[in-house]
Amino acid sequence: MGTIRLNSIRIYAYHGCLVEESIIGGNYIVDIAMDIDFSEASAEDDLSLTIDYVQVSSIVHEEMAIRSKLIETVADRVADRLRATFGRIEKVWVKITKLAAPIPGQVESVSVETIR
């Protein structure tokens, strides 16, 4: 058993409850961790027996491009799609961080995490 991680995928997207967010957009960081038994892939040195990072990144970008009011919705959508695409995943963790969220005070970011 091991964990494959994609760290700090930077994406510009248009999520949020405010109308302005759907027009202006904002910066997001997405982190992914997937628990998988990649021992066979490692022994065989075979990408088809593990998870292709490029495909994971593409899925994240595609799902982040679909506007939602809540980043919770996006996180769940990403996790569900990764599990559906890669049957080898035993557990997936998705964290979406919204930089410069439009809330009063000095808040660097807000984030949500989901585990499937």
PDB file of N, CA and C in Angstrom:
ATOM      1  N   MET A   1       0.856  -1.182   0.000  1.00  0.00           N
ATOM      2  CA  MET A   1       0.000   0.000   0.000  1.00  0.00           C
ATOM      3  C   MET A   1       0.890   1.229   0.000  1.00  0.00           C
ATOM      4  N   GLY A   2       0.469   2.228  -0.747  1.00  0.00           N
ATOM      5  CA  GLY A   2       1.197   3.482  -0.796  1.00  0.00           C
ATOM      6  C   GLY A   2       0.239   4.626  -1.070  1.00  0.00           C
ATOM      7  N   THR A   3       0.787   5.820  -1.127  1.00  0.00           N
ATOM      8  CA  THR A   3      -0.006   7.007  -1.396  1.00  0.00           C
ATOM      9  C   THR A   3       0.631   7.778  -2.539  1.00  0.00           C
ATOM     10  N   ILE A   4      -0.194   8.155  -3.497  1.00  0.00           N
ATOM     11  CA  ILE A   4       0.234   9.020  -4.597  1.00  0.00           C
ATOM     12  C   ILE A   4      -0.397  10.383  -4.346  1.00  0.00           C
ATOM     13  N   ARG A   5       0.425  11.427  -4.410  1.00  0.00           N
ATOM     14  CA  ARG A   5      -0.053  12.781  -4.140  1.00  0.00           C
ATOM     15  C   ARG A   5       0.242  13.712  -5.316  1.00  0.00           C
ATOM     16  N   LEU A   6      -0.706  14.577  -5.591  1.00  0.00           N
ATOM     17  CA  LEU A   6      -0.470  15.717  -6.469  1.00  0.00           C
ATOM     18  C   LEU A   6      -0.640  16.930  -5.575  1.00  0.00           C
ATOM     19  N   ASN A   7       0.412  17.707  -5.454  1.00  0.00           N
ATOM     20  CA  ASN A   7       0.439  18.814  -4.505  1.00  0.00           C
ATOM     21  C   ASN A   7       0.368  20.163  -5.200  1.00  0.00           C
ATOM     22  N   SER A   8      -0.482  21.010  -4.689  1.00  0.00           N
ATOM     23  CA  SER A   8      -0.563  22.417  -5.099  1.00  0.00           C
ATOM     24  C   SER A   8      -0.810  22.599  -6.596  1.00  0.00           C
ATOM     25  N   ILE A   9      -1.871  21.965  -7.078  1.00  0.00           N
ATOM     26  CA  ILE A   9      -2.305  22.200  -8.457  1.00  0.00           C
ATOM     27  C   ILE A   9      -2.955  23.585  -8.459  1.00  0.00           C
ATOM     28  N   ARG A  10      -2.387  24.521  -9.179  1.00  0.00           N
ATOM     29  CA  ARG A  10      -2.889  25.900  -9.190  1.00  0.00           C
ATOM     30  C   ARG A  10      -3.848  26.076 -10.362  1.00  0.00           C
ATOM     31  N   ILE A  11      -5.046  26.578 -10.040  1.00  0.00           N
ATOM     32  CA  ILE A  11      -6.094  26.719 -11.049  1.00  0.00           C
ATOM     33  C   ILE A  11      -6.830  28.034 -10.833  1.00  0.00           C
ATOM     34  N   TYR A  12      -7.170  28.685 -11.931  1.00  0.00           N
ATOM     35  CA  TYR A  12      -8.034  29.868 -11.880  1.00  0.00           C
ATOM     36  C   TYR A  12      -9.437  29.386 -12.232  1.00  0.00           C
ATOM     37  N   ALA A  13     -10.411  29.677 -11.361  1.00  0.00           N
ATOM     38  CA  ALA A  13     -11.771  29.176 -11.583  1.00  0.00           C
ATOM     39  C   ALA A  13     -12.791  30.196 -11.093  1.00  0.00           C
ATOM     40  N   TYR A  14     -14.064  29.876 -11.280  1.00  0.00           N
ATOM     41  CA  TYR A  14     -15.151  30.834 -11.062  1.00  0.00           C
ATOM     42  C   TYR A  14     -16.191  30.323 -10.072  1.00  0.00           C
ATOM     43  N   HIS A  15     -15.760  29.812  -8.939  1.00  0.00           N
ATOM     44  CA  HIS A  15     -16.676  29.287  -7.937  1.00  0.00           C
ATOM     45  C   HIS A  15     -17.010  30.354  -6.899  1.00  0.00           C
ATOM     46  N   GLY A  16     -18.203  30.237  -6.318  1.00  0.00           N
ATOM     47  CA  GLY A  16     -18.586  31.141  -5.242  1.00  0.00           C
ATOM     48  C   GLY A  16     -20.050  31.512  -5.325  1.00  0.00           C
ATOM     49  N   CYS A  17     -20.562  31.971  -4.216  1.00  0.00           N
ATOM     50  CA  CYS A  17     -21.981  32.351  -4.128  1.00  0.00           C
ATOM     51  C   CYS A  17     -22.245  33.756  -4.650  1.00  0.00           C
ATOM     52  N   LEU A  18     -21.232  34.593  -4.678  1.00  0.00           N
ATOM     53  CA  LEU A  18     -21.414  35.967  -5.138  1.00  0.00           C
ATOM     54  C   LEU A  18     -21.365  36.041  -6.663  1.00  0.00           C
ATOM     55  N   VAL A  19     -22.202  36.882  -7.229  1.00  0.00           N
ATOM     56  CA  VAL A  19     -22.238  37.071  -8.684  1.00  0.00           C
ATOM     57  C   VAL A  19     -20.863  37.503  -9.194  1.00  0.00           C
ATOM     58  N   GLU A  20     -20.196  38.363  -8.442  1.00  0.00           N
ATOM     59  CA  GLU A  20     -18.878  38.850  -8.842  1.00  0.00           C
ATOM     60  C   GLU A  20     -17.879  37.714  -9.037  1.00  0.00           C
ATOM     61  N   GLU A  21     -17.990  36.688  -8.199  1.00  0.00           N
ATOM     62  CA  GLU A  21     -17.061  35.561  -8.302  1.00  0.00           C
ATOM     63  C   GLU A  21     -17.254  34.794  -9.608  1.00  0.00           C
ATOM     64  N   SER A  22     -18.477  34.784 -10.107  1.00  0.00           N
ATOM     65  CA  SER A  22     -18.733  34.091 -11.372  1.00  0.00           C
ATOM     66  C   SER A  22     -18.201  34.881 -12.567  1.00  0.00           C
ATOM     67  N   ILE A  23     -17.940  36.173 -12.359  1.00  0.00           N
ATOM     68  CA  ILE A  23     -17.436  37.032 -13.430  1.00  0.00           C
ATOM     69  C   ILE A  23     -15.921  37.196 -13.334  1.00  0.00           C
ATOM     70  N   ILE A  24     -15.463  37.495 -12.133  1.00  0.00           N
ATOM     71  CA  ILE A  24     -14.048  37.802 -11.915  1.00  0.00           C
ATOM     72  C   ILE A  24     -13.213  36.531 -11.726  1.00  0.00           C
ATOM     73  N   GLY A  25     -13.752  35.560 -11.001  1.00  0.00           N
ATOM     74  CA  GLY A  25     -13.005  34.336 -10.717  1.00  0.00           C
ATOM     75  C   GLY A  25     -11.971  34.538  -9.635  1.00  0.00           C
ATOM     76  N   GLY A  26     -11.198  33.515  -9.395  1.00  0.00           N
ATOM     77  CA  GLY A  26     -10.172  33.581  -8.369  1.00  0.00           C
ATOM     78  C   GLY A  26      -9.206  32.415  -8.459  1.00  0.00           C
ATOM     79  N   ASN A  27      -8.175  32.497  -7.648  1.00  0.00           N
ATOM     80  CA  ASN A  27      -7.132  31.468  -7.623  1.00  0.00           C
ATOM     81  C   ASN A  27      -7.450  30.389  -6.598  1.00  0.00           C
ATOM     82  N   TYR A  28      -7.176  29.161  -6.987  1.00  0.00           N
ATOM     83  CA  TYR A  28      -7.414  27.992  -6.145  1.00  0.00           C
ATOM     84  C   TYR A  28      -6.180  27.097  -6.160  1.00  0.00           C
ATOM     85  N   ILE A  29      -6.037  26.358  -5.080  1.00  0.00           N
ATOM     86  CA  ILE A  29      -5.006  25.322  -5.010  1.00  0.00           C
ATOM     87  C   ILE A  29      -5.715  24.014  -4.673  1.00  0.00           C
ATOM     88  N   VAL A  30      -5.414  22.977  -5.442  1.00  0.00           N
ATOM     89  CA  VAL A  30      -6.023  21.666  -5.216  1.00  0.00           C
ATOM     90  C   VAL A  30      -4.917  20.683  -4.870  1.00  0.00           C
ATOM     91  N   ASP A  31      -5.129  19.939  -3.791  1.00  0.00           N
ATOM     92  CA  ASP A  31      -4.218  18.873  -3.373  1.00  0.00           C
ATOM     93  C   ASP A  31      -4.977  17.554  -3.414  1.00  0.00           C
ATOM     94  N   ILE A  32      -4.324  16.527  -3.921  1.00  0.00           N
ATOM     95  CA  ILE A  32      -4.933  15.204  -4.059  1.00  0.00           C
ATOM     96  C   ILE A  32      -4.010  14.174  -3.415  1.00  0.00           C
ATOM     97  N   ALA A  33      -4.595  13.237  -2.678  1.00  0.00           N
ATOM     98  CA  ALA A  33      -3.851  12.080  -2.177  1.00  0.00           C
ATOM     99  C   ALA A  33      -4.701  10.842  -2.442  1.00  0.00           C
ATOM    100  N   MET A  34      -4.069   9.811  -2.975  1.00  0.00           N
ATOM    101  CA  MET A  34      -4.782   8.578  -3.318  1.00  0.00           C
ATOM    102  C   MET A  34      -4.032   7.389  -2.746  1.00  0.00           C
ATOM    103  N   ASP A  35      -4.710   6.624  -1.905  1.00  0.00           N
ATOM    104  CA  ASP A  35      -4.133   5.391  -1.374  1.00  0.00           C
ATOM    105  C   ASP A  35      -4.364   4.283  -2.389  1.00  0.00           C
ATOM    106  N   ILE A  36      -3.283   3.582  -2.717  1.00  0.00           N
ATOM    107  CA  ILE A  36      -3.335   2.542  -3.737  1.00  0.00           C
ATOM    108  C   ILE A  36      -2.210   1.538  -3.479  1.00  0.00           C
ATOM    109  N   ASP A  37      -2.460   0.315  -3.817  1.00  0.00           N
ATOM    110  CA  ASP A  37      -1.397  -0.689  -3.782  1.00  0.00           C
ATOM    111  C   ASP A  37      -0.693  -0.634  -5.135  1.00  0.00           C
ATOM    112  N   PHE A  38       0.475   0.000  -5.156  1.00  0.00           N
ATOM    113  CA  PHE A  38       1.204   0.107  -6.421  1.00  0.00           C
ATOM    114  C   PHE A  38       2.417  -0.816  -6.467  1.00  0.00           C
ATOM    115  N   SER A  39       2.412  -1.856  -5.637  1.00  0.00           N
ATOM    116  CA  SER A  39       3.547  -2.773  -5.603  1.00  0.00           C
ATOM    117  C   SER A  39       3.757  -3.485  -6.938  1.00  0.00           C
ATOM    118  N   GLU A  40       2.666  -3.899  -7.584  1.00  0.00           N
ATOM    119  CA  GLU A  40       2.793  -4.571  -8.880  1.00  0.00           C
ATOM    120  C   GLU A  40       3.323  -3.594  -9.933  1.00  0.00           C
ATOM    121  N   ALA A  41       2.802  -2.384  -9.944  1.00  0.00           N
ATOM    122  CA  ALA A  41       3.280  -1.368 -10.888  1.00  0.00           C
ATOM    123  C   ALA A  41       4.763  -1.099 -10.686  1.00  0.00           C
ATOM    124  N   SER A  42       5.167  -1.026  -9.423  1.00  0.00           N
ATOM    125  CA  SER A  42       6.566  -0.781  -9.099  1.00  0.00           C
ATOM    126  C   SER A  42       7.450  -1.940  -9.552  1.00  0.00           C
ATOM    127  N   ALA A  43       7.020  -3.150  -9.278  1.00  0.00           N
ATOM    128  CA  ALA A  43       7.805  -4.335  -9.662  1.00  0.00           C
ATOM    129  C   ALA A  43       7.926  -4.457 -11.183  1.00  0.00           C
ATOM    130  N   GLU A  44       6.831  -4.140 -11.883  1.00  0.00           N
ATOM    131  CA  GLU A  44       6.803  -4.277 -13.345  1.00  0.00           C
ATOM    132  C   GLU A  44       7.261  -3.000 -14.060  1.00  0.00           C
ATOM    133  N   ASP A  45       7.383  -1.903 -13.307  1.00  0.00           N
ATOM    134  CA  ASP A  45       7.713  -0.600 -13.884  1.00  0.00           C
ATOM    135  C   ASP A  45       6.731  -0.258 -15.001  1.00  0.00           C
ATOM    136  N   ASP A  46       5.420  -0.385 -14.660  1.00  0.00           N
ATOM    137  CA  ASP A  46       4.352  -0.292 -15.659  1.00  0.00           C
ATOM    138  C   ASP A  46       3.308   0.736 -15.235  1.00  0.00           C
ATOM    139  N   LEU A  47       3.210   1.827 -15.986  1.00  0.00           N
ATOM    140  CA  LEU A  47       2.265   2.904 -15.681  1.00  0.00           C
ATOM    141  C   LEU A  47       0.821   2.426 -15.694  1.00  0.00           C
ATOM    142  N   SER A  48       0.484   1.465 -16.524  1.00  0.00           N
ATOM    143  CA  SER A  48      -0.906   1.002 -16.622  1.00  0.00           C
ATOM    144  C   SER A  48      -1.375   0.301 -15.352  1.00  0.00           C
ATOM    145  N   LEU A  49      -0.454  -0.029 -14.457  1.00  0.00           N
ATOM    146  CA  LEU A  49      -0.807  -0.713 -13.212  1.00  0.00           C
ATOM    147  C   LEU A  49      -0.889   0.235 -12.016  1.00  0.00           C
ATOM    148  N   THR A  50      -0.802   1.519 -12.299  1.00  0.00           N
ATOM    149  CA  THR A  50      -0.892   2.518 -11.236  1.00  0.00           C
ATOM    150  C   THR A  50      -1.772   3.667 -11.720  1.00  0.00           C
ATOM    151  N   ILE A  51      -1.579   4.852 -11.171  1.00  0.00           N
ATOM    152  CA  ILE A  51      -2.397   6.013 -11.515  1.00  0.00           C
ATOM    153  C   ILE A  51      -1.535   7.015 -12.267  1.00  0.00           C
ATOM    154  N   ASP A  52      -2.012   7.436 -13.418  1.00  0.00           N
ATOM    155  CA  ASP A  52      -1.308   8.397 -14.262  1.00  0.00           C
ATOM    156  C   ASP A  52      -1.549   9.805 -13.724  1.00  0.00           C
ATOM    157  N   TYR A  53      -0.491  10.458 -13.255  1.00  0.00           N
ATOM    158  CA  TYR A  53      -0.613  11.803 -12.679  1.00  0.00           C
ATOM    159  C   TYR A  53      -1.194  12.797 -13.677  1.00  0.00           C
ATOM    160  N   VAL A  54      -0.831  12.644 -14.945  1.00  0.00           N
ATOM    161  CA  VAL A  54      -1.321  13.564 -15.970  1.00  0.00           C
ATOM    162  C   VAL A  54      -2.838  13.462 -16.093  1.00  0.00           C
ATOM    163  N   GLN A  55      -3.356  12.251 -16.055  1.00  0.00           N
ATOM    164  CA  GLN A  55      -4.803  12.057 -16.148  1.00  0.00           C
ATOM    165  C   GLN A  55      -5.504  12.621 -14.908  1.00  0.00           C
ATOM    166  N   VAL A  56      -4.900  12.452 -13.743  1.00  0.00           N
ATOM    167  CA  VAL A  56      -5.465  13.020 -12.512  1.00  0.00           C
ATOM    168  C   VAL A  56      -5.537  14.542 -12.627  1.00  0.00           C
ATOM    169  N   SER A  57      -4.462  15.159 -13.075  1.00  0.00           N
ATOM    170  CA  SER A  57      -4.438  16.609 -13.228  1.00  0.00           C
ATOM    171  C   SER A  57      -5.497  17.068 -14.227  1.00  0.00           C
ATOM    172  N   SER A  58      -5.666  16.342 -15.302  1.00  0.00           N
ATOM    173  CA  SER A  58      -6.694  16.691 -16.299  1.00  0.00           C
ATOM    174  C   SER A  58      -8.092  16.633 -15.698  1.00  0.00           C
ATOM    175  N   ILE A  59      -8.359  15.598 -14.903  1.00  0.00           N
ATOM    176  CA  ILE A  59      -9.666  15.465 -14.249  1.00  0.00           C
ATOM    177  C   ILE A  59      -9.905  16.645 -13.312  1.00  0.00           C
ATOM    178  N   VAL A  60      -8.906  16.999 -12.534  1.00  0.00           N
ATOM    179  CA  VAL A  60      -9.031  18.132 -11.610  1.00  0.00           C
ATOM    180  C   VAL A  60      -9.354  19.407 -12.389  1.00  0.00           C
ATOM    181  N   HIS A  61      -8.619  19.668 -13.463  1.00  0.00           N
ATOM    182  CA  HIS A  61      -8.863  20.868 -14.267  1.00  0.00           C
ATOM    183  C   HIS A  61     -10.265  20.858 -14.878  1.00  0.00           C
ATOM    184  N   GLU A  62     -10.700  19.721 -15.381  1.00  0.00           N
ATOM    185  CA  GLU A  62     -12.036  19.630 -15.979  1.00  0.00           C
ATOM    186  C   GLU A  62     -13.134  19.895 -14.957  1.00  0.00           C
ATOM    187  N   GLU A  63     -13.010  19.310 -13.774  1.00  0.00           N
ATOM    188  CA  GLU A  63     -14.036  19.496 -12.748  1.00  0.00           C
ATOM    189  C   GLU A  63     -14.004  20.909 -12.169  1.00  0.00           C
ATOM    190  N   MET A  64     -12.828  21.489 -12.048  1.00  0.00           N
ATOM    191  CA  MET A  64     -12.727  22.864 -11.548  1.00  0.00           C
ATOM    192  C   MET A  64     -13.294  23.861 -12.558  1.00  0.00           C
ATOM    193  N   ALA A  65     -13.368  23.488 -13.824  1.00  0.00           N
ATOM    194  CA  ALA A  65     -13.904  24.370 -14.860  1.00  0.00           C
ATOM    195  C   ALA A  65     -15.431  24.437 -14.830  1.00  0.00           C
ATOM    196  N   ILE A  66     -16.066  23.517 -14.117  1.00  0.00           N
ATOM    197  CA  ILE A  66     -17.525  23.512 -13.994  1.00  0.00           C
ATOM    198  C   ILE A  66     -17.891  24.379 -12.787  1.00  0.00           C
ATOM    199  N   ARG A  67     -18.506  25.510 -13.051  1.00  0.00           N
ATOM    200  CA  ARG A  67     -18.810  26.460 -11.969  1.00  0.00           C
ATOM    201  C   ARG A  67     -19.771  25.866 -10.944  1.00  0.00           C
ATOM    202  N   SER A  68     -19.447  26.099  -9.682  1.00  0.00           N
ATOM    203  CA  SER A  68     -20.312  25.722  -8.565  1.00  0.00           C
ATOM    204  C   SER A  68     -20.297  26.848  -7.549  1.00  0.00           C
ATOM    205  N   LYS A  69     -21.366  26.962  -6.794  1.00  0.00           N
ATOM    206  CA  LYS A  69     -21.399  27.951  -5.725  1.00  0.00           C
ATOM    207  C   LYS A  69     -20.464  27.538  -4.587  1.00  0.00           C
ATOM    208  N   LEU A  70     -20.421  26.243  -4.302  1.00  0.00           N
ATOM    209  CA  LEU A  70     -19.650  25.743  -3.163  1.00  0.00           C
ATOM    210  C   LEU A  70     -18.437  24.936  -3.609  1.00  0.00           C
ATOM    211  N   ILE A  71     -17.290  25.217  -2.978  1.00  0.00           N
ATOM    212  CA  ILE A  71     -16.125  24.393  -3.289  1.00  0.00           C
ATOM    213  C   ILE A  71     -16.279  22.997  -2.684  1.00  0.00           C
ATOM    214  N   GLU A  72     -17.186  22.855  -1.730  1.00  0.00           N
ATOM    215  CA  GLU A  72     -17.507  21.525  -1.204  1.00  0.00           C
ATOM    216  C   GLU A  72     -18.058  20.635  -2.319  1.00  0.00           C
ATOM    217  N   THR A  73     -18.902  21.221  -3.156  1.00  0.00           N
ATOM    218  CA  THR A  73     -19.481  20.498  -4.293  1.00  0.00           C
ATOM    219  C   THR A  73     -18.382  20.056  -5.254  1.00  0.00           C
ATOM    220  N   VAL A  74     -17.451  20.956  -5.525  1.00  0.00           N
ATOM    221  CA  VAL A  74     -16.362  20.648  -6.452  1.00  0.00           C
ATOM    222  C   VAL A  74     -15.468  19.553  -5.883  1.00  0.00           C
ATOM    223  N   ALA A  75     -15.145  19.636  -4.608  1.00  0.00           N
ATOM    224  CA  ALA A  75     -14.285  18.628  -3.978  1.00  0.00           C
ATOM    225  C   ALA A  75     -14.921  17.236  -4.060  1.00  0.00           C
ATOM    226  N   ASP A  76     -16.210  17.158  -3.771  1.00  0.00           N
ATOM    227  CA  ASP A  76     -16.906  15.872  -3.862  1.00  0.00           C
ATOM    228  C   ASP A  76     -16.928  15.355  -5.293  1.00  0.00           C
ATOM    229  N   ARG A  77     -17.136  16.260  -6.237  1.00  0.00           N
ATOM    230  CA  ARG A  77     -17.174  15.865  -7.650  1.00  0.00           C
ATOM    231  C   ARG A  77     -15.819  15.318  -8.100  1.00  0.00           C
ATOM    232  N   VAL A  78     -14.733  15.983  -7.702  1.00  0.00           N
ATOM    233  CA  VAL A  78     -13.387  15.526  -8.059  1.00  0.00           C
ATOM    234  C   VAL A  78     -13.125  14.153  -7.458  1.00  0.00           C
ATOM    235  N   ALA A  79     -13.432  13.991  -6.176  1.00  0.00           N
ATOM    236  CA  ALA A  79     -13.191  12.709  -5.501  1.00  0.00           C
ATOM    237  C   ALA A  79     -13.981  11.585  -6.157  1.00  0.00           C
ATOM    238  N   ASP A  80     -15.250  11.829  -6.440  1.00  0.00           N
ATOM    239  CA  ASP A  80     -16.089  10.798  -7.061  1.00  0.00           C
ATOM    240  C   ASP A  80     -15.573  10.422  -8.444  1.00  0.00           C
ATOM    241  N   ARG A  81     -15.163  11.419  -9.209  1.00  0.00           N
ATOM    242  CA  ARG A  81     -14.673  11.127 -10.560  1.00  0.00           C
ATOM    243  C   ARG A  81     -13.356  10.362 -10.526  1.00  0.00           C
ATOM    244  N   LEU A  82     -12.469  10.710  -9.610  1.00  0.00           N
ATOM    245  CA  LEU A  82     -11.205   9.971  -9.497  1.00  0.00           C
ATOM    246  C   LEU A  82     -11.458   8.517  -9.136  1.00  0.00           C
ATOM    247  N   ARG A  83     -12.365   8.284  -8.188  1.00  0.00           N
ATOM    248  CA  ARG A  83     -12.685   6.899  -7.793  1.00  0.00           C
ATOM    249  C   ARG A  83     -13.311   6.137  -8.955  1.00  0.00           C
ATOM    250  N   ALA A  84     -14.165   6.799  -9.722  1.00  0.00           N
ATOM    251  CA  ALA A  84     -14.819   6.138 -10.856  1.00  0.00           C
ATOM    252  C   ALA A  84     -13.818   5.841 -11.977  1.00  0.00           C
ATOM    253  N   THR A  85     -12.847   6.717 -12.157  1.00  0.00           N
ATOM    254  CA  THR A  85     -11.868   6.560 -13.231  1.00  0.00           C
ATOM    255  C   THR A  85     -10.800   5.536 -12.894  1.00  0.00           C
ATOM    256  N   PHE A  86     -10.357   5.546 -11.661  1.00  0.00           N
ATOM    257  CA  PHE A  86      -9.263   4.664 -11.242  1.00  0.00           C
ATOM    258  C   PHE A  86      -9.779   3.676 -10.201  1.00  0.00           C
ATOM    259  N   GLY A  87     -10.173   2.509 -10.649  1.00  0.00           N
ATOM    260  CA  GLY A  87     -10.712   1.496  -9.746  1.00  0.00           C
ATOM    261  C   GLY A  87      -9.716   1.012  -8.713  1.00  0.00           C
ATOM    262  N   ARG A  88      -8.446   1.287  -8.926  1.00  0.00           N
ATOM    263  CA  ARG A  88      -7.404   0.842  -7.991  1.00  0.00           C
ATOM    264  C   ARG A  88      -7.342   1.696  -6.719  1.00  0.00           C
ATOM    265  N   ILE A  89      -7.972   2.864  -6.742  1.00  0.00           N
ATOM    266  CA  ILE A  89      -7.912   3.751  -5.572  1.00  0.00           C
ATOM    267  C   ILE A  89      -8.698   3.132  -4.419  1.00  0.00           C
ATOM    268  N   GLU A  90      -8.034   3.009  -3.273  1.00  0.00           N
ATOM    269  CA  GLU A  90      -8.709   2.512  -2.077  1.00  0.00           C
ATOM    270  C   GLU A  90      -9.292   3.656  -1.266  1.00  0.00           C
ATOM    271  N   LYS A  91      -8.600   4.792  -1.278  1.00  0.00           N
ATOM    272  CA  LYS A  91      -9.099   5.984  -0.587  1.00  0.00           C
ATOM    273  C   LYS A  91      -8.545   7.198  -1.315  1.00  0.00           C
ATOM    274  N   VAL A  92      -9.398   8.217  -1.484  1.00  0.00           N
ATOM    275  CA  VAL A  92      -8.947   9.458  -2.110  1.00  0.00           C
ATOM    276  C   VAL A  92      -9.280  10.623  -1.188  1.00  0.00           C
ATOM    277  N   TRP A  93      -8.353  11.553  -1.100  1.00  0.00           N
ATOM    278  CA  TRP A  93      -8.490  12.752  -0.285  1.00  0.00           C
ATOM    279  C   TRP A  93      -8.319  13.949  -1.215  1.00  0.00           C
ATOM    280  N   VAL A  94      -9.262  14.870  -1.186  1.00  0.00           N
ATOM    281  CA  VAL A  94      -9.215  16.063  -2.032  1.00  0.00           C
ATOM    282  C   VAL A  94      -9.330  17.290  -1.133  1.00  0.00           C
ATOM    283  N   LYS A  95      -8.426  18.212  -1.317  1.00  0.00           N
ATOM    284  CA  LYS A  95      -8.463  19.488  -0.594  1.00  0.00           C
ATOM    285  C   LYS A  95      -8.476  20.604  -1.630  1.00  0.00           C
ATOM    286  N   ILE A  96      -9.448  21.500  -1.512  1.00  0.00           N
ATOM    287  CA  ILE A  96      -9.507  22.675  -2.378  1.00  0.00           C
ATOM    288  C   ILE A  96      -9.372  23.911  -1.501  1.00  0.00           C
ATOM    289  N   THR A  97      -8.414  24.737  -1.845  1.00  0.00           N
ATOM    290  CA  THR A  97      -8.160  25.975  -1.122  1.00  0.00           C
ATOM    291  C   THR A  97      -8.496  27.151  -2.024  1.00  0.00           C
ATOM    292  N   LYS A  98      -9.311  28.038  -1.504  1.00  0.00           N
ATOM    293  CA  LYS A  98      -9.686  29.256  -2.223  1.00  0.00           C
ATOM    294  C   LYS A  98      -8.863  30.396  -1.641  1.00  0.00           C
ATOM    295  N   LEU A  99      -8.013  30.972  -2.473  1.00  0.00           N
ATOM    296  CA  LEU A  99      -7.176  32.074  -2.030  1.00  0.00           C
ATOM    297  C   LEU A  99      -7.976  33.375  -2.109  1.00  0.00           C
ATOM    298  N   ALA A 100      -7.757  34.240  -1.167  1.00  0.00           N
ATOM    299  CA  ALA A 100      -8.392  35.567  -1.157  1.00  0.00           C
ATOM    300  C   ALA A 100      -9.912  35.479  -1.251  1.00  0.00           C
ATOM    301  N   ALA A 101     -10.507  34.674  -0.405  1.00  0.00           N
ATOM    302  CA  ALA A 101     -11.967  34.573  -0.373  1.00  0.00           C
ATOM    303  C   ALA A 101     -12.568  35.909   0.058  1.00  0.00           C
ATOM    304  N   PRO A 102     -13.719  36.280  -0.502  1.00  0.00           N
ATOM    305  CA  PRO A 102     -14.320  37.582  -0.192  1.00  0.00           C
ATOM    306  C   PRO A 102     -15.041  37.579   1.154  1.00  0.00           C
ATOM    307  N   ILE A 103     -14.254  37.570   2.220  1.00  0.00           N
ATOM    308  CA  ILE A 103     -14.816  37.634   3.571  1.00  0.00           C
ATOM    309  C   ILE A 103     -14.096  38.732   4.345  1.00  0.00           C
ATOM    310  N   PRO A 104     -14.792  39.372   5.271  1.00  0.00           N
ATOM    311  CA  PRO A 104     -14.188  40.470   6.029  1.00  0.00           C
ATOM    312  C   PRO A 104     -12.998  40.008   6.871  1.00  0.00           C
ATOM    313  N   GLY A 105     -12.091  40.930   7.103  1.00  0.00           N
ATOM    314  CA  GLY A 105     -10.935  40.644   7.934  1.00  0.00           C
ATOM    315  C   GLY A 105      -9.771  40.130   7.105  1.00  0.00           C
ATOM    316  N   GLN A 106      -8.722  39.766   7.779  1.00  0.00           N
ATOM    317  CA  GLN A 106      -7.527  39.273   7.110  1.00  0.00           C
ATOM    318  C   GLN A 106      -7.521  37.749   7.137  1.00  0.00           C
ATOM    319  N   VAL A 107      -8.028  37.164   6.076  1.00  0.00           N
ATOM    320  CA  VAL A 107      -8.059  35.715   5.945  1.00  0.00           C
ATOM    321  C   VAL A 107      -7.300  35.363   4.674  1.00  0.00           C
ATOM    322  N   GLU A 108      -6.236  34.622   4.821  1.00  0.00           N
ATOM    323  CA  GLU A 108      -5.404  34.269   3.666  1.00  0.00           C
ATOM    324  C   GLU A 108      -6.121  33.352   2.689  1.00  0.00           C
ATOM    325  N   SER A 109      -6.854  32.365   3.239  1.00  0.00           N
ATOM    326  CA  SER A 109      -7.542  31.399   2.377  1.00  0.00           C
ATOM    327  C   SER A 109      -8.577  30.638   3.181  1.00  0.00           C
ATOM    328  N   VAL A 110      -9.446  29.961   2.443  1.00  0.00           N
ATOM    329  CA  VAL A 110     -10.369  29.003   3.055  1.00  0.00           C
ATOM    330  C   VAL A 110     -10.212  27.702   2.286  1.00  0.00           C
ATOM    331  N   SER A 111     -10.464  26.589   2.953  1.00  0.00           N
ATOM    332  CA  SER A 111     -10.323  25.316   2.248  1.00  0.00           C
ATOM    333  C   SER A 111     -11.342  24.318   2.765  1.00  0.00           C
ATOM    334  N   VAL A 112     -11.604  23.339   1.904  1.00  0.00           N
ATOM    335  CA  VAL A 112     -12.460  22.214   2.269  1.00  0.00           C
ATOM    336  C   VAL A 112     -11.705  20.938   1.917  1.00  0.00           C
ATOM    337  N   GLU A 113     -12.006  19.882   2.642  1.00  0.00           N
ATOM    338  CA  GLU A 113     -11.412  18.584   2.379  1.00  0.00           C
ATOM    339  C   GLU A 113     -12.507  17.534   2.364  1.00  0.00           C
ATOM    340  N   THR A 114     -12.364  16.574   1.474  1.00  0.00           N
ATOM    341  CA  THR A 114     -13.282  15.448   1.451  1.00  0.00           C
ATOM    342  C   THR A 114     -12.486  14.168   1.296  1.00  0.00           C
ATOM    343  N   ILE A 115     -12.994  13.107   1.853  1.00  0.00           N
ATOM    344  CA  ILE A 115     -12.354  11.798   1.762  1.00  0.00           C
ATOM    345  C   ILE A 115     -13.391  10.789   1.284  1.00  0.00           C
ATOM    346  N   ARG A 116     -13.015  10.000   0.326  1.00  0.00           N
ATOM    347  CA  ARG A 116     -13.891   8.931  -0.182  1.00  0.00           C
ATOM    348  C   ARG A 116     -13.154   7.614  -0.085  1.00  0.00           C
TER     349      ARG A 116
END
